[in-house]
Amino acid sequence: MIILTCSTLFPCSFSAAQTSPAGKHQTFFLYFENDIFSGTDRHYTNATRLTWLSSDLTEYGEDTRLPRWGLPLLRKLPLINRPGFQRNVGLSLGQNIYTPEDILRRDLIKDDRPYAGWTYLSLTFHVKNVAQMDVFEVTLGIVGPSSLADKTQKIIHRWVDTNDPKGWDHQLRNEVGLTLGWQRNWRLFSAGMGSGFGFDFIPHIGVFAGNVATFANIGGEIRIGYNLPFDFGTSFIRSGSGIEAPLDNMDPRLRHRENFGIHLFIDVDGRAVARNIFLDGNTWKESHSVDRKRLVADMAAGIAILYKRLKISYAHVYRTKEFGGQDKAQSFGSVTLAITF
């Protein structure tokens, strides 16, 4: 109702039913998040993610990389086959690392979050027009020693000559993780201010469920700057990412001229959390756990630059406390590099 009301009130809102495709352009993303940008080494301490997103498709069979045996099933799924909408397929590989605050202690720190790692592969379907994008995501991965997160952190700490973490013997046990999710983003409002400057507002909602994480989220992003990208905003290493790909040829990255842009953004995401394995502990095995908070929010502010086919952004993210007994809220830096080719 709110979105329908806003669309009526603001005549410069996006209301077109279809999008002009961006052509056969694919996009590659590199995400990196670390609390080194805040001078800390604790909790959500490091994450990396690589994502490939296909060119726009009107039918999934157009992408020859998709297995032919899976096409009949894809064509029967109603949510990812909306008439008149463009489609994209994406693949992601990522790893998240979590530690307690004191990584020099060898004993189990019962009142702090567990050591944990999560290495995963995601299959993503984007369904979009100029006004909205639905992201459907299936993520399969491994929590525990087989994630190799302990080895990753130790190698990185040796490279940068910092303290070697001592408590990984107490990490969560091996568990296969599966998460299914949906997120919708709207290009709800956009207005120009002259000379190429403008601002826009892109809200989102989502639902994700699985043994690794179960939550509902709501939030939005405000952007202001020069030659704003024609996409669905800035994404972080969380479900529903890959939204920075150009929506169509109105995007500065696909123009032959004026292919430079710069903007500031503020992003907020609130989550009602029913499960978080990295706080609740293993699902079927006994493990270390802490008292998870049901409501968590991320607030981010940052800058993004577009040049030719490149978009690079940096955001400083503030995350509210995630568990009872947590000494203080966390902040970390988030870097995203998106290359369209």
Protein backbone atom coordinates (compact mmCIF):
# COMPACT_ATOMS: atom_id res chain seq x y z
CA MET A 1 0.00 0.00 0.00
CA ILE A 2 2.81 2.41 0.88
CA ILE A 3 4.53 1.72 -2.43
CA LEU A 4 1.33 2.17 -4.42
CA THR A 5 0.64 5.45 -2.64
CA CYS A 6 4.15 6.78 -3.27
CA SER A 7 3.95 5.81 -6.93
CA THR A 8 0.77 7.84 -7.25
CA LEU A 9 2.08 10.88 -5.41
CA PHE A 10 5.38 11.20 -7.24
CA PRO A 11 4.97 11.60 -11.02
CA CYS A 12 8.68 11.00 -11.62
CA SER A 13 8.42 7.49 -10.17
CA PHE A 14 9.20 4.60 -12.48
CA SER A 15 6.03 3.11 -13.90
CA ALA A 16 7.01 1.47 -17.17
CA ALA A 17 6.04 -2.16 -17.46
CA GLN A 18 8.98 -3.39 -19.44
CA THR A 19 12.67 -2.69 -19.74
CA SER A 20 14.82 -2.13 -22.78
CA PRO A 21 17.44 -4.86 -22.38
CA ALA A 22 21.04 -3.97 -21.69
CA GLY A 23 22.03 -6.23 -24.58
CA LYS A 24 24.36 -9.17 -24.29
CA HIS A 25 26.39 -7.68 -21.47
CA GLN A 26 27.43 -9.88 -18.57
CA THR A 27 28.61 -8.58 -15.20
CA PHE A 28 31.27 -9.89 -12.84
CA PHE A 29 31.31 -8.84 -9.18
CA LEU A 30 33.98 -8.98 -6.49
CA TYR A 31 32.82 -8.32 -2.92
CA PHE A 32 35.12 -7.88 0.07
CA GLU A 33 34.08 -7.08 3.63
CA ASN A 34 36.39 -6.83 6.64
CA ASP A 35 36.46 -5.12 10.01
CA ILE A 36 40.06 -4.04 9.43
CA PHE A 37 38.49 -0.83 8.10
CA SER A 38 37.29 -0.22 11.67
CA GLY A 39 40.55 -1.24 13.32
CA THR A 40 39.08 -4.39 14.89
CA ASP A 41 39.40 -8.15 14.43
CA ARG A 42 36.28 -9.77 15.85
CA HIS A 43 32.79 -11.17 15.19
CA TYR A 44 31.92 -10.82 11.47
CA THR A 45 35.57 -10.36 10.62
CA ASN A 46 36.02 -11.23 6.93
CA ALA A 47 34.00 -12.21 3.88
CA THR A 48 34.63 -12.51 0.17
CA ARG A 49 32.28 -13.31 -2.67
CA LEU A 50 32.66 -13.71 -6.43
CA THR A 51 29.53 -13.41 -8.57
CA TRP A 52 28.87 -13.83 -12.28
CA LEU A 53 25.58 -12.58 -13.75
CA SER A 54 24.40 -13.49 -17.24
CA SER A 55 23.25 -11.06 -19.90
CA ASP A 56 19.54 -10.25 -20.10
CA LEU A 57 17.42 -13.17 -21.25
CA THR A 58 13.85 -13.33 -22.48
CA GLU A 59 13.93 -17.13 -22.11
CA TYR A 60 16.30 -19.26 -20.04
CA GLY A 61 17.16 -21.45 -23.01
CA GLU A 62 19.02 -18.48 -24.55
CA ASP A 63 21.91 -19.10 -22.15
CA THR A 64 23.69 -22.18 -23.47
CA ARG A 65 25.60 -22.59 -20.19
CA LEU A 66 22.44 -23.70 -18.40
CA PRO A 67 22.03 -27.49 -18.37
CA ARG A 68 19.44 -28.54 -20.93
CA TRP A 69 17.93 -31.09 -18.54
CA GLY A 70 17.00 -28.30 -16.10
CA LEU A 71 15.17 -26.06 -18.57
CA PRO A 72 11.75 -27.82 -18.39
CA LEU A 73 11.74 -27.33 -14.61
CA LEU A 74 12.82 -23.69 -14.84
CA ARG A 75 10.06 -22.93 -17.35
CA LYS A 76 7.42 -24.31 -14.97
CA LEU A 77 8.40 -22.19 -11.97
CA PRO A 78 5.89 -19.31 -11.93
CA LEU A 79 7.86 -16.74 -9.94
CA ILE A 80 10.85 -16.68 -12.29
CA ASN A 81 8.86 -16.72 -15.55
CA ARG A 82 6.80 -13.53 -15.39
CA PRO A 83 5.68 -12.42 -18.89
CA GLY A 84 7.29 -9.23 -20.17
CA PHE A 85 10.14 -9.30 -17.65
CA GLN A 86 13.84 -9.69 -18.39
CA ARG A 87 15.70 -12.57 -16.74
CA ASN A 88 19.26 -13.15 -15.55
CA VAL A 89 21.02 -16.16 -14.07
CA GLY A 90 23.85 -15.77 -11.59
CA LEU A 91 26.43 -17.93 -9.82
CA SER A 92 28.31 -16.96 -6.66
CA LEU A 93 31.12 -18.48 -4.63
CA GLY A 94 31.83 -17.05 -1.20
CA GLN A 95 33.22 -17.49 2.28
CA ASN A 96 32.34 -15.80 5.60
CA ILE A 97 34.47 -15.91 8.77
CA TYR A 98 33.26 -15.30 12.34
CA THR A 99 35.30 -15.17 15.56
CA PRO A 100 34.92 -14.05 19.19
CA GLU A 101 36.48 -10.77 20.27
CA ASP A 102 39.59 -12.28 21.90
CA ILE A 103 41.26 -14.49 19.29
CA LEU A 104 44.36 -15.09 21.44
CA ARG A 105 42.56 -17.27 24.00
CA ARG A 106 42.79 -21.03 23.47
CA ASP A 107 39.91 -21.93 25.79
CA LEU A 108 36.21 -21.91 24.93
CA ILE A 109 34.84 -18.38 25.47
CA LYS A 110 31.31 -19.26 26.57
CA ASP A 111 29.92 -15.71 26.67
CA ASP A 112 31.13 -14.74 23.18
CA ARG A 113 30.07 -15.92 19.74
CA PRO A 114 31.49 -19.17 18.34
CA TYR A 115 34.29 -19.48 15.84
CA ALA A 116 32.59 -20.36 12.56
CA GLY A 117 33.15 -20.46 8.82
CA TRP A 118 30.72 -20.68 5.91
CA THR A 119 31.82 -21.54 2.37
CA TYR A 120 29.03 -21.69 -0.18
CA LEU A 121 27.81 -21.68 -3.76
CA SER A 122 24.68 -19.74 -4.77
CA LEU A 123 22.44 -20.01 -7.82
CA THR A 124 20.48 -16.81 -8.43
CA PHE A 125 17.60 -15.86 -10.72
CA HIS A 126 16.83 -12.19 -11.41
CA VAL A 127 13.43 -11.21 -12.83
CA LYS A 128 13.14 -7.49 -13.59
CA ASN A 129 11.68 -4.55 -15.44
CA VAL A 130 12.50 -0.85 -15.07
CA ALA A 131 10.44 -0.56 -11.89
CA GLN A 132 11.28 -3.65 -9.85
CA MET A 133 13.56 -6.65 -9.53
CA ASP A 134 12.87 -9.99 -7.87
CA VAL A 135 15.91 -11.99 -6.76
CA PHE A 136 15.47 -15.70 -6.07
CA GLU A 137 18.46 -17.42 -4.52
CA VAL A 138 19.38 -21.01 -3.66
CA THR A 139 22.52 -21.35 -1.53
CA LEU A 140 24.30 -24.59 -0.68
CA GLY A 141 27.44 -24.74 1.42
CA ILE A 142 29.30 -26.09 4.41
CA VAL A 143 29.73 -24.79 7.96
CA GLY A 144 32.57 -26.02 10.15
CA PRO A 145 36.16 -27.18 9.59
CA SER A 146 35.37 -28.25 6.02
CA SER A 147 34.67 -24.61 5.16
CA LEU A 148 38.44 -24.01 5.55
CA ALA A 149 37.72 -20.65 7.18
CA ASP A 150 40.26 -21.30 9.94
CA LYS A 151 43.00 -21.88 7.40
CA THR A 152 41.97 -18.80 5.42
CA GLN A 153 42.17 -16.55 8.47
CA LYS A 154 45.50 -17.95 9.62
CA ILE A 155 47.06 -17.52 6.17
CA ILE A 156 45.82 -13.93 5.88
CA HIS A 157 47.08 -13.07 9.37
CA ARG A 158 50.53 -14.39 8.47
CA TRP A 159 50.55 -12.32 5.28
CA VAL A 160 49.76 -9.11 7.14
CA ASP A 161 51.93 -10.08 10.13
CA THR A 162 49.24 -9.90 12.81
CA ASN A 163 48.11 -12.13 15.68
CA ASP A 164 47.50 -15.78 14.87
CA PRO A 165 44.00 -16.86 16.06
CA LYS A 166 44.26 -19.56 18.75
CA GLY A 167 40.71 -20.77 19.35
CA TRP A 168 39.61 -22.44 16.14
CA ASP A 169 39.52 -25.84 17.89
CA HIS A 170 36.18 -24.68 19.32
CA GLN A 171 34.53 -23.78 16.01
CA LEU A 172 31.11 -25.07 14.98
CA ARG A 173 31.04 -28.64 13.72
CA ASN A 174 30.63 -29.66 10.09
CA GLU A 175 27.11 -29.14 8.76
CA VAL A 176 25.78 -28.87 5.23
CA GLY A 177 23.78 -25.68 4.86
CA LEU A 178 20.88 -24.87 2.54
CA THR A 179 19.08 -21.53 2.26
CA LEU A 180 16.26 -20.49 -0.07
CA GLY A 181 15.31 -16.86 -0.42
CA TRP A 182 13.50 -14.08 -2.25
CA GLN A 183 14.05 -10.33 -2.26
CA ARG A 184 12.24 -7.59 -4.17
CA ASN A 185 13.81 -4.21 -4.95
CA TRP A 186 11.85 -1.24 -6.31
CA ARG A 187 13.16 1.77 -8.21
CA LEU A 188 10.43 3.68 -6.43
CA PHE A 189 11.38 7.31 -6.94
CA SER A 190 13.89 9.25 -9.02
CA ALA A 191 14.32 12.93 -9.79
CA GLY A 192 16.83 15.08 -11.64
CA MET A 193 18.35 18.27 -10.26
CA GLY A 194 19.89 19.54 -13.51
CA SER A 195 23.32 19.21 -15.17
CA GLY A 196 23.30 15.43 -14.77
CA PHE A 197 22.73 15.45 -11.00
CA GLY A 198 19.87 13.55 -9.40
CA PHE A 199 18.70 11.35 -6.57
CA ASP A 200 16.65 8.19 -6.17
CA PHE A 201 15.15 5.87 -3.58
CA ILE A 202 15.26 2.06 -3.85
CA PRO A 203 13.44 0.12 -1.07
CA HIS A 204 13.53 -3.66 -0.64
CA ILE A 205 11.88 -6.50 1.27
CA GLY A 206 12.82 -10.17 1.49
CA VAL A 207 12.34 -13.56 3.13
CA PHE A 208 15.04 -16.23 3.51
CA ALA A 209 14.79 -19.65 5.14
CA GLY A 210 17.15 -22.52 5.87
CA ASN A 211 19.22 -24.21 8.53
CA VAL A 212 21.97 -21.57 8.19
CA ALA A 213 19.75 -18.48 8.38
CA THR A 214 16.03 -17.76 8.56
CA PHE A 215 14.88 -14.15 8.57
CA ALA A 216 12.68 -11.49 7.00
CA ASN A 217 14.22 -8.17 6.02
CA ILE A 218 13.12 -4.71 4.95
CA GLY A 219 15.14 -1.65 4.04
CA GLY A 220 16.10 0.82 1.37
CA GLU A 221 18.78 2.97 -0.20
CA ILE A 222 18.92 6.68 -1.02
CA ARG A 223 21.44 7.85 -3.64
CA ILE A 224 22.42 11.35 -4.71
CA GLY A 225 25.06 12.31 -7.25
CA TYR A 226 26.11 12.81 -10.86
CA ASN A 227 25.08 10.38 -13.61
CA LEU A 228 23.40 7.90 -11.28
CA PRO A 229 23.59 4.29 -12.49
CA PHE A 230 20.40 2.81 -13.87
CA ASP A 231 20.42 -0.26 -11.63
CA PHE A 232 18.89 -1.44 -8.36
CA GLY A 233 21.39 0.02 -5.93
CA THR A 234 24.34 -1.18 -3.89
CA SER A 235 24.55 -4.73 -2.60
CA PHE A 236 26.59 -6.24 0.18
CA ILE A 237 27.63 -9.78 1.07
CA ARG A 238 24.18 -10.86 2.05
CA SER A 239 21.32 -12.64 0.35
CA GLY A 240 19.84 -10.91 -2.68
CA SER A 241 23.07 -9.43 -4.07
CA GLY A 242 24.18 -8.81 -7.66
CA ILE A 243 21.80 -5.90 -8.18
CA GLU A 244 24.45 -3.48 -9.53
CA ALA A 245 24.29 -4.76 -13.12
CA PRO A 246 23.10 -2.12 -15.65
CA LEU A 247 19.36 -2.30 -16.14
CA ASP A 248 19.38 -1.00 -19.70
CA ASN A 249 21.20 1.34 -22.08
CA MET A 250 20.26 4.40 -20.00
CA ASP A 251 22.99 3.38 -17.56
CA PRO A 252 26.17 5.52 -17.91
CA ARG A 253 28.28 2.35 -18.16
CA LEU A 254 26.61 1.48 -21.46
CA ARG A 255 26.71 4.93 -23.03
CA HIS A 256 29.35 5.91 -25.56
CA ARG A 257 29.54 9.35 -23.95
CA GLU A 258 29.16 10.57 -20.37
CA ASN A 259 30.31 7.21 -19.04
CA PHE A 260 31.50 8.68 -15.75
CA GLY A 261 29.40 9.01 -12.62
CA ILE A 262 29.81 9.50 -8.90
CA HIS A 263 27.30 9.37 -6.07
CA LEU A 264 26.86 9.09 -2.32
CA PHE A 265 24.46 6.62 -0.76
CA ILE A 266 22.85 5.65 2.53
CA ASP A 267 21.51 2.11 2.95
CA VAL A 268 19.47 0.61 5.80
CA ASP A 269 18.47 -3.04 6.25
CA GLY A 270 16.51 -4.39 9.22
CA ARG A 271 16.06 -8.10 9.90
CA ALA A 272 13.73 -10.15 12.09
CA VAL A 273 15.89 -13.22 12.71
CA ALA A 274 14.44 -16.65 13.52
CA ARG A 275 17.71 -18.54 13.06
CA ASN A 276 21.40 -17.76 12.69
CA ILE A 277 23.60 -20.85 12.87
CA PHE A 278 26.65 -18.69 13.62
CA LEU A 279 25.02 -17.68 16.92
CA ASP A 280 22.54 -20.51 17.58
CA GLY A 281 25.10 -23.24 16.92
CA ASN A 282 24.76 -26.44 14.93
CA THR A 283 21.28 -27.67 14.06
CA TRP A 284 21.61 -31.37 14.83
CA LYS A 285 24.83 -31.56 16.84
CA GLU A 286 25.81 -30.13 20.20
CA SER A 287 27.98 -27.04 19.83
CA HIS A 288 28.82 -23.68 21.33
CA SER A 289 26.05 -21.07 21.08
CA VAL A 290 25.00 -17.68 22.44
CA ASP A 291 21.68 -15.91 23.01
CA ARG A 292 20.72 -14.53 19.59
CA LYS A 293 18.88 -11.22 19.33
CA ARG A 294 15.70 -11.33 17.27
CA LEU A 295 16.07 -7.89 15.67
CA VAL A 296 19.25 -6.74 13.92
CA ALA A 297 19.90 -3.75 11.67
CA ASP A 298 22.65 -2.64 9.29
CA MET A 299 23.17 1.04 8.48
CA ALA A 300 25.68 1.94 5.77
CA ALA A 301 26.99 5.11 4.17
CA GLY A 302 29.32 5.19 1.21
CA ILE A 303 30.46 6.42 -2.17
CA ALA A 304 30.38 4.83 -5.63
CA ILE A 305 32.22 5.74 -8.82
CA LEU A 306 31.38 4.70 -12.38
CA TYR A 307 33.93 4.81 -15.16
CA LYS A 308 33.30 3.18 -18.51
CA ARG A 309 32.19 -0.41 -17.73
CA LEU A 310 33.36 -0.31 -14.11
CA LYS A 311 31.47 0.47 -10.90
CA ILE A 312 33.37 0.51 -7.61
CA SER A 313 31.85 1.34 -4.24
CA TYR A 314 32.93 1.57 -0.63
CA ALA A 315 30.54 1.58 2.32
CA HIS A 316 31.14 1.77 6.03
CA VAL A 317 28.58 -0.47 7.71
CA TYR A 318 27.32 -0.23 11.29
CA ARG A 319 25.62 -3.39 12.62
CA THR A 320 23.63 -3.44 15.84
CA LYS A 321 24.35 -6.03 18.53
CA GLU A 322 23.53 -9.56 17.40
CA PHE A 323 23.60 -11.51 20.69
CA GLY A 324 23.11 -11.07 24.40
CA GLY A 325 26.29 -10.12 26.22
CA GLN A 326 27.88 -8.60 23.12
CA ASP A 327 30.11 -5.83 24.40
CA LYS A 328 29.45 -3.34 21.61
CA ALA A 329 27.94 -3.05 18.15
CA GLN A 330 30.14 -3.80 15.15
CA SER A 331 31.29 -1.80 12.15
CA PHE A 332 33.15 -2.94 9.06
CA GLY A 333 34.02 -1.84 5.54
CA SER A 334 32.45 -3.19 2.37
CA VAL A 335 34.07 -2.91 -1.07
CA THR A 336 32.28 -3.90 -4.29
CA LEU A 337 33.78 -4.03 -7.77
CA ALA A 338 31.38 -4.64 -10.68
CA ILE A 339 32.69 -5.03 -14.23
CA THR A 340 30.26 -5.19 -17.16
CA PHE A 341 31.60 -6.80 -20.32
